[in-house]
Protein backbone atom coordinates (compact mmCIF):
# COMPACT_ATOMS: atom_id res chain seq x y z
CA MET A 1 0.00 0.00 0.00
CA SER A 2 2.93 2.33 0.71
CA MET A 3 4.11 1.97 -2.88
CA LEU A 4 0.67 2.92 -4.17
CA VAL A 5 0.58 5.98 -1.90
CA ALA A 6 4.05 7.00 -3.11
CA ALA A 7 3.11 6.48 -6.75
CA GLN A 8 -0.02 8.61 -6.42
CA LEU A 9 1.52 11.21 -4.13
CA GLU A 10 -1.68 11.37 -2.11
CA LYS A 11 -3.27 9.73 0.91
CA LEU A 12 -5.47 6.73 0.30
CA ASP A 13 -7.60 6.81 3.42
CA HIS A 14 -10.67 6.28 1.24
CA VAL A 15 -9.63 2.67 0.55
CA TYR A 16 -10.14 1.73 4.20
CA ASP A 17 -13.50 1.12 5.82
CA TYR A 18 -12.43 1.71 9.40
CA ASN A 19 -15.87 0.96 10.85
CA ASN A 20 -16.04 -2.53 9.35
CA LYS A 21 -12.25 -3.10 9.43
CA VAL A 22 -11.97 -3.94 5.72
CA VAL A 23 -10.06 -2.68 2.74
CA LYS A 24 -12.17 -1.67 -0.26
CA GLN A 25 -10.68 -3.56 -3.20
CA ASP A 26 -12.69 -1.53 -5.72
CA ALA A 27 -11.12 1.68 -4.36
CA ILE A 28 -7.65 0.13 -4.66
CA ASP A 29 -8.39 -0.90 -8.25
CA GLU A 30 -9.58 2.63 -9.03
CA SER A 31 -6.38 4.07 -7.55
CA LEU A 32 -4.28 1.64 -9.60
CA ASN A 33 -6.12 2.66 -12.77
CA LYS A 34 -5.24 6.31 -12.09
CA LEU A 35 -1.57 5.35 -12.46
CA ARG A 36 -2.01 4.49 -16.14
CA GLY A 37 -0.05 6.84 -18.34
CA ARG A 38 2.30 7.80 -15.53
CA TYR A 39 3.82 4.37 -14.93
CA SER A 40 4.46 1.26 -16.99
CA GLU A 41 1.90 -1.52 -17.15
CA GLY A 42 4.50 -3.82 -15.58
CA PHE A 43 4.76 -1.63 -12.50
CA ILE A 44 0.99 -1.30 -12.18
CA ASP A 45 0.52 -5.05 -12.62
CA ALA A 46 3.13 -5.73 -9.93
CA LEU A 47 1.29 -3.44 -7.52
CA ARG A 48 -2.02 -5.05 -8.43
CA ILE A 49 -0.59 -8.50 -7.63
CA LEU A 50 0.81 -7.30 -4.31
CA LEU A 51 -2.48 -5.66 -3.32
CA ASP A 52 -4.68 -8.65 -4.15
CA SER A 53 -7.30 -8.99 -1.42
CA ASN A 54 -6.95 -12.78 -1.49
CA GLU A 55 -3.86 -13.41 0.64
CA GLU A 56 -3.47 -16.92 -0.77
CA GLN A 57 -3.06 -15.51 -4.28
CA ARG A 58 -0.33 -13.02 -3.38
CA PRO A 59 3.12 -14.08 -4.51
CA ASP A 60 6.05 -15.00 -2.31
CA PHE A 61 9.34 -13.22 -2.97
CA ILE A 62 10.51 -15.72 -5.59
CA GLN A 63 7.24 -15.47 -7.51
CA LEU A 64 7.33 -11.68 -7.19
CA ASP A 65 10.85 -11.62 -8.61
CA ASP A 66 9.63 -13.59 -11.62
CA GLU A 67 6.65 -11.27 -12.07
CA ILE A 68 8.68 -8.05 -12.05
CA LYS A 69 11.54 -9.36 -14.17
CA SER A 70 10.20 -7.72 -17.33
CA TYR A 71 9.65 -4.43 -15.47
CA ARG A 72 13.22 -4.58 -14.16
CA ASN A 73 14.50 -5.26 -17.68
CA ASP A 74 12.51 -2.27 -19.01
CA VAL A 75 14.06 -0.02 -16.39
CA ARG A 76 17.56 -1.26 -17.22
CA ALA A 77 16.96 -0.77 -20.95
CA GLN A 78 15.81 2.81 -20.36
CA ALA A 79 18.89 3.48 -18.22
CA VAL A 80 21.18 2.11 -20.92
CA LYS A 81 19.44 4.19 -23.61
CA PHE A 82 19.82 7.32 -21.50
CA PHE A 83 23.50 6.57 -20.85
CA ILE A 84 24.23 6.00 -24.54
CA LYS A 85 22.31 9.10 -25.59
CA THR A 86 24.22 11.18 -23.03
CA LEU A 87 27.55 9.68 -24.06
CA VAL A 88 26.90 10.34 -27.77
CA SER A 89 25.83 13.89 -26.95
CA LEU A 90 29.04 14.48 -25.02
CA LEU A 91 31.21 12.99 -27.77
CA GLU A 92 29.54 15.18 -30.39
CA SER A 93 30.20 18.36 -28.38
């Protein structure tokens, strides 16, 4: 939940029903959908998996590592592209 709060840069008190002591999954899903366009689908999917209301369906750390592998590869590829672009820019100066 902390990652979702950080990604949205706003409090998510509305996802909790404090009177009935439950988390509103539909409110979490709505908050995840607001991230579209700002973050990659891989990141949003990873958050969605971690915030699944069914505890039995949430991944352990090994499964989570497998799930976010493509996201991690995307981040690395973007970093390499930025490095190369910067390097070429410096060499051309």
